[in-house]
């Protein structure tokens, strides 16, 4: 199975753990250039910070709005709107 975000709902627990391990590693070494490019192009981005609750990611929109979201149910669910 392709371990990318678009297949999260189909992943086994083991696949999901591998995905998030890889995802976290990529975030640690990311310069942010691609994220900034996506935002400037009008595309929202997902990321995590050190204090992001387990099982959640931050969804940031090009207008600066942020939401804490979870994919734990297999679909995106807003946990909390952020300032």
N, C-alpha and C. Protein backbone atom coordinates (compact mmCIF):
# COMPACT_ATOMS: atom_id res chain seq x y z
N UNK A 1 0.85 -1.19 0.00
CA UNK A 1 0.00 0.00 0.00
C UNK A 1 0.88 1.24 0.00
N UNK A 2 0.42 2.25 -0.73
CA UNK A 2 1.11 3.53 -0.76
C UNK A 2 0.84 4.25 0.56
N UNK A 3 1.90 4.50 1.31
CA UNK A 3 1.74 5.12 2.63
C UNK A 3 1.78 6.65 2.53
N UNK A 4 0.73 7.22 1.95
CA UNK A 4 0.62 8.67 1.95
C UNK A 4 -0.75 9.05 2.51
N UNK A 5 -0.92 10.31 2.80
CA UNK A 5 -2.11 10.80 3.50
C UNK A 5 -3.41 10.43 2.80
N UNK A 6 -3.39 10.34 1.49
CA UNK A 6 -4.62 10.04 0.77
C UNK A 6 -5.11 8.61 1.03
N UNK A 7 -4.26 7.75 1.56
CA UNK A 7 -4.63 6.36 1.85
C UNK A 7 -4.78 6.09 3.35
N UNK A 8 -4.80 7.14 4.15
CA UNK A 8 -4.85 6.97 5.60
C UNK A 8 -6.04 6.13 6.05
N UNK A 9 -7.19 6.34 5.45
CA UNK A 9 -8.41 5.61 5.86
C UNK A 9 -8.30 4.11 5.60
N UNK A 10 -7.46 3.71 4.66
CA UNK A 10 -7.33 2.30 4.29
C UNK A 10 -6.18 1.60 5.01
N UNK A 11 -5.40 2.33 5.78
CA UNK A 11 -4.21 1.77 6.41
C UNK A 11 -4.56 0.90 7.62
N UNK A 12 -3.75 -0.13 7.78
CA UNK A 12 -3.84 -0.91 9.02
C UNK A 12 -3.19 -0.08 10.12
N UNK A 13 -3.34 -0.51 11.34
CA UNK A 13 -2.70 0.21 12.46
C UNK A 13 -1.19 0.25 12.28
N UNK A 14 -0.61 -0.84 11.81
CA UNK A 14 0.84 -0.89 11.59
C UNK A 14 1.25 0.06 10.47
N UNK A 15 0.47 0.08 9.37
CA UNK A 15 0.76 1.00 8.26
C UNK A 15 0.67 2.45 8.74
N UNK A 16 -0.36 2.74 9.53
CA UNK A 16 -0.56 4.09 10.04
C UNK A 16 0.61 4.51 10.93
N UNK A 17 1.08 3.61 11.77
CA UNK A 17 2.22 3.91 12.64
C UNK A 17 3.46 4.20 11.80
N UNK A 18 3.70 3.41 10.75
CA UNK A 18 4.85 3.65 9.87
C UNK A 18 4.69 4.98 9.14
N UNK A 19 3.46 5.27 8.69
CA UNK A 19 3.21 6.53 7.99
C UNK A 19 3.56 7.72 8.89
N UNK A 20 3.03 7.71 10.12
CA UNK A 20 3.26 8.86 10.99
C UNK A 20 4.70 8.96 11.45
N UNK A 21 5.40 7.84 11.59
CA UNK A 21 6.83 7.88 11.91
C UNK A 21 7.58 8.58 10.78
N UNK A 22 7.28 8.18 9.54
CA UNK A 22 7.91 8.79 8.38
C UNK A 22 7.50 10.25 8.24
N UNK A 23 6.22 10.53 8.43
CA UNK A 23 5.69 11.89 8.33
C UNK A 23 6.38 12.81 9.33
N UNK A 24 6.49 12.35 10.58
CA UNK A 24 7.16 13.14 11.62
C UNK A 24 8.61 13.41 11.27
N UNK A 25 9.29 12.40 10.74
CA UNK A 25 10.70 12.55 10.36
C UNK A 25 10.84 13.59 9.24
N UNK A 26 9.95 13.52 8.26
CA UNK A 26 10.00 14.49 7.16
C UNK A 26 9.75 15.90 7.66
N UNK A 27 8.85 16.06 8.59
CA UNK A 27 8.56 17.39 9.13
C UNK A 27 9.75 17.97 9.87
N UNK A 28 10.49 17.12 10.57
CA UNK A 28 11.65 17.60 11.33
C UNK A 28 12.71 18.20 10.43
N UNK A 29 12.84 17.70 9.20
CA UNK A 29 13.89 18.14 8.29
C UNK A 29 13.38 19.02 7.16
N UNK A 30 12.14 19.45 7.25
CA UNK A 30 11.53 20.25 6.20
C UNK A 30 11.88 21.72 6.40
N UNK A 31 12.26 22.38 5.32
CA UNK A 31 12.58 23.81 5.39
C UNK A 31 11.33 24.67 5.37
N UNK A 32 10.20 24.09 4.97
CA UNK A 32 8.96 24.84 4.89
C UNK A 32 8.72 25.48 3.54
N UNK A 33 9.68 25.35 2.64
CA UNK A 33 9.56 25.99 1.32
C UNK A 33 8.34 25.48 0.55
N UNK A 34 8.13 24.18 0.52
CA UNK A 34 7.00 23.61 -0.21
C UNK A 34 5.67 24.04 0.43
N UNK A 35 5.62 24.07 1.75
CA UNK A 35 4.41 24.49 2.45
C UNK A 35 4.07 25.94 2.10
N UNK A 36 5.07 26.80 2.15
CA UNK A 36 4.84 28.21 1.80
C UNK A 36 4.36 28.34 0.36
N UNK A 37 4.94 27.55 -0.53
CA UNK A 37 4.54 27.57 -1.93
C UNK A 37 3.09 27.14 -2.09
N UNK A 38 2.69 26.09 -1.38
CA UNK A 38 1.31 25.63 -1.45
C UNK A 38 0.35 26.70 -0.93
N UNK A 39 0.67 27.30 0.20
CA UNK A 39 -0.19 28.36 0.75
C UNK A 39 -0.32 29.52 -0.22
N UNK A 40 0.80 29.93 -0.82
CA UNK A 40 0.76 31.03 -1.80
C UNK A 40 -0.05 30.66 -3.04
N UNK A 41 -0.15 29.37 -3.32
CA UNK A 41 -0.92 28.88 -4.47
C UNK A 41 -2.40 28.68 -4.12
N UNK A 42 -2.76 28.94 -2.86
CA UNK A 42 -4.15 28.79 -2.45
C UNK A 42 -4.52 27.41 -1.94
N UNK A 43 -3.52 26.59 -1.61
CA UNK A 43 -3.76 25.22 -1.15
C UNK A 43 -3.46 25.13 0.34
N UNK A 44 -4.37 24.51 1.09
CA UNK A 44 -4.13 24.35 2.53
C UNK A 44 -3.03 23.31 2.77
N UNK A 45 -2.45 23.34 3.96
CA UNK A 45 -1.38 22.41 4.31
C UNK A 45 -1.70 21.77 5.66
N UNK A 46 -1.04 20.66 5.92
CA UNK A 46 -1.14 19.96 7.20
C UNK A 46 0.25 19.86 7.80
N UNK A 47 0.35 20.03 9.11
CA UNK A 47 1.63 19.86 9.79
C UNK A 47 1.39 19.65 11.28
N UNK A 48 2.44 19.31 11.97
CA UNK A 48 2.36 19.14 13.42
C UNK A 48 3.48 19.94 14.06
N UNK A 49 3.24 20.37 15.27
CA UNK A 49 4.26 21.03 16.08
C UNK A 49 4.53 20.14 17.28
N UNK A 50 5.56 20.44 18.01
CA UNK A 50 5.92 19.59 19.16
C UNK A 50 4.78 19.44 20.17
N UNK A 51 3.94 20.45 20.28
CA UNK A 51 2.85 20.40 21.27
C UNK A 51 1.51 20.00 20.66
N UNK A 52 1.50 19.56 19.41
CA UNK A 52 0.25 19.11 18.79
C UNK A 52 -0.20 17.82 19.48
N UNK A 53 -1.46 17.76 19.91
CA UNK A 53 -1.94 16.56 20.59
C UNK A 53 -1.78 15.31 19.72
N UNK A 54 -1.52 14.20 20.36
CA UNK A 54 -1.36 12.93 19.65
C UNK A 54 -2.62 12.62 18.86
N UNK A 55 -2.45 12.14 17.65
CA UNK A 55 -3.58 11.79 16.80
C UNK A 55 -4.16 12.96 16.03
N UNK A 56 -3.54 14.13 16.16
CA UNK A 56 -4.04 15.33 15.48
C UNK A 56 -2.94 15.96 14.65
N UNK A 57 -3.34 16.78 13.70
CA UNK A 57 -2.44 17.63 12.92
C UNK A 57 -3.09 19.00 12.80
N UNK A 58 -2.32 19.96 12.42
CA UNK A 58 -2.81 21.32 12.20
C UNK A 58 -3.08 21.48 10.71
N UNK A 59 -4.25 21.97 10.39
CA UNK A 59 -4.59 22.29 9.01
C UNK A 59 -4.57 23.81 8.90
N UNK A 60 -3.70 24.32 8.04
CA UNK A 60 -3.59 25.78 7.85
C UNK A 60 -4.06 26.15 6.46
N UNK A 61 -4.92 27.16 6.41
CA UNK A 61 -5.47 27.64 5.15
C UNK A 61 -4.65 28.82 4.64
N UNK A 62 -4.71 29.08 3.34
CA UNK A 62 -3.97 30.21 2.78
C UNK A 62 -4.28 31.55 3.43
N UNK A 63 -5.50 31.71 3.99
CA UNK A 63 -5.85 32.98 4.64
C UNK A 63 -5.33 33.07 6.07
N UNK A 64 -4.61 32.04 6.53
CA UNK A 64 -4.02 32.06 7.87
C UNK A 64 -4.82 31.34 8.93
N UNK A 65 -6.08 30.98 8.63
CA UNK A 65 -6.88 30.22 9.60
C UNK A 65 -6.23 28.87 9.85
N UNK A 66 -6.38 28.39 11.07
CA UNK A 66 -5.83 27.09 11.44
C UNK A 66 -6.88 26.29 12.19
N UNK A 67 -6.88 24.99 11.95
CA UNK A 67 -7.76 24.08 12.66
C UNK A 67 -6.94 22.89 13.14
N UNK A 68 -7.27 22.39 14.29
CA UNK A 68 -6.71 21.15 14.77
C UNK A 68 -7.63 20.06 14.25
N UNK A 69 -7.08 19.13 13.47
CA UNK A 69 -7.91 18.08 12.88
C UNK A 69 -7.37 16.70 13.22
N UNK A 70 -8.26 15.74 13.14
CA UNK A 70 -7.91 14.35 13.40
C UNK A 70 -8.42 13.50 12.25
N UNK A 71 -7.67 12.47 11.91
CA UNK A 71 -8.08 11.51 10.91
C UNK A 71 -8.32 10.15 11.56
N UNK A 72 -8.45 10.12 12.87
CA UNK A 72 -8.56 8.87 13.61
C UNK A 72 -9.81 8.07 13.23
N UNK A 73 -10.85 8.71 12.75
CA UNK A 73 -12.07 8.00 12.35
C UNK A 73 -12.02 7.56 10.90
N UNK A 74 -10.93 7.88 10.21
CA UNK A 74 -10.81 7.55 8.80
C UNK A 74 -11.19 8.70 7.89
N UNK A 75 -11.82 9.72 8.44
CA UNK A 75 -12.13 10.93 7.69
C UNK A 75 -11.66 12.12 8.52
N UNK A 76 -11.45 13.22 7.85
CA UNK A 76 -10.99 14.42 8.56
C UNK A 76 -12.08 14.95 9.47
N UNK A 77 -11.74 15.18 10.71
CA UNK A 77 -12.68 15.73 11.68
C UNK A 77 -12.02 16.92 12.37
N UNK A 78 -12.72 18.05 12.38
CA UNK A 78 -12.20 19.24 13.07
C UNK A 78 -12.33 19.01 14.57
N UNK A 79 -11.21 19.13 15.27
CA UNK A 79 -11.19 19.00 16.72
C UNK A 79 -11.38 20.36 17.36
N UNK A 80 -10.71 21.38 16.78
CA UNK A 80 -10.77 22.71 17.37
C UNK A 80 -10.27 23.73 16.35
N UNK A 81 -10.98 24.86 16.24
CA UNK A 81 -10.49 25.98 15.44
C UNK A 81 -9.40 26.67 16.25
N UNK A 82 -8.35 27.08 15.58
CA UNK A 82 -7.23 27.73 16.27
C UNK A 82 -7.08 29.14 15.77
N UNK A 83 -6.52 29.97 16.61
CA UNK A 83 -6.30 31.38 16.25
C UNK A 83 -5.06 31.53 15.40
